[in-house]
Amino acid sequence: MAVSYKKLWKLLIDKEMMKKDLRAMTGVSTTTMSRLSKDENVSTEILSKICSALNCDVGDIMEFVPDKKEKQ
């Protein structure tokens, strides 16, 4: 299974926020934001910071999806 943060990006759009706004609210690094943009794994601490800043649950910002390799 792979992770997808599409829900996070949609939530930011819904809240009329930019990635830089999220970075300012959470204090996460540009490297971490890049990892999120690439649907790479990040620590639960980072996810917790994002959820606290956006007042949401982890399921509101991410989901597990089948690996592309598994679909073949």
Protein backbone atom coordinates (compact mmCIF):
# COMPACT_ATOMS: atom_id res chain seq x y z
CA MET A 1 0.00 0.00 0.00
CA ALA A 2 1.09 3.52 -0.77
CA VAL A 3 0.10 6.75 0.94
CA SER A 4 -1.72 9.63 -0.76
CA TYR A 5 -2.00 13.18 0.57
CA LYS A 6 -4.53 14.36 -2.05
CA LYS A 7 -7.01 14.94 0.76
CA LEU A 8 -4.56 17.36 2.39
CA TRP A 9 -4.19 19.43 -0.78
CA LYS A 10 -7.97 19.53 -1.26
CA LEU A 11 -8.42 20.61 2.35
CA LEU A 12 -5.93 23.44 1.86
CA ILE A 13 -7.85 24.57 -1.23
CA ASP A 14 -11.13 24.43 0.68
CA LYS A 15 -9.59 26.54 3.46
CA GLU A 16 -8.09 28.93 0.86
CA MET A 17 -4.60 28.20 2.16
CA MET A 18 -1.30 27.70 0.40
CA LYS A 19 1.44 25.24 1.26
CA LYS A 20 3.54 28.09 2.64
CA ASP A 21 0.67 28.95 5.04
CA LEU A 22 0.66 25.37 6.28
CA ARG A 23 4.43 25.47 6.71
CA ALA A 24 4.15 28.66 8.77
CA MET A 25 1.41 27.17 10.97
CA THR A 26 3.20 23.88 11.62
CA GLY A 27 6.88 24.71 11.40
CA VAL A 28 7.56 21.79 9.05
CA SER A 29 10.51 22.08 6.71
CA THR A 30 10.48 22.56 2.95
CA THR A 31 11.92 19.05 2.70
CA THR A 32 8.93 17.62 4.55
CA MET A 33 6.52 19.57 2.34
CA SER A 34 8.33 18.14 -0.67
CA ARG A 35 7.92 14.62 0.73
CA LEU A 36 4.20 15.25 1.21
CA SER A 37 3.91 16.56 -2.35
CA LYS A 38 5.53 13.37 -3.64
CA ASP A 39 3.23 11.14 -1.53
CA GLU A 40 6.20 9.86 0.46
CA ASN A 41 6.07 8.71 4.07
CA VAL A 42 6.42 11.27 6.85
CA SER A 43 6.45 10.77 10.61
CA THR A 44 3.34 10.61 12.72
CA GLU A 45 4.68 13.67 14.55
CA ILE A 46 4.42 15.67 11.30
CA LEU A 47 0.92 14.34 10.63
CA SER A 48 -0.07 15.28 14.17
CA LYS A 49 1.23 18.85 13.72
CA ILE A 50 -0.72 19.21 10.47
CA CYS A 51 -3.91 17.84 12.01
CA SER A 52 -3.59 20.16 15.00
CA ALA A 53 -3.04 23.18 12.76
CA LEU A 54 -5.97 22.33 10.50
CA ASN A 55 -8.20 21.04 13.32
CA CYS A 56 -8.83 17.75 11.58
CA ASP A 57 -8.21 14.01 11.86
CA VAL A 58 -5.42 12.12 10.08
CA GLY A 59 -8.02 10.45 7.84
CA ASP A 60 -8.96 13.92 6.60
CA ILE A 61 -5.49 14.55 5.15
CA MET A 62 -4.26 11.17 3.94
CA GLU A 63 -5.33 7.73 2.79
CA PHE A 64 -3.73 4.46 1.82
CA VAL A 65 -4.05 3.47 -1.82
CA PRO A 66 -2.92 0.34 -3.69
CA ASP A 67 0.63 0.51 -5.05
CA LYS A 68 0.80 1.11 -8.77
CA LYS A 69 2.81 -2.10 -9.04
CA GLU A 70 -0.03 -4.06 -7.39
CA LYS A 71 -2.52 -2.96 -10.07
CA GLN A 72 -0.63 -4.71 -12.88
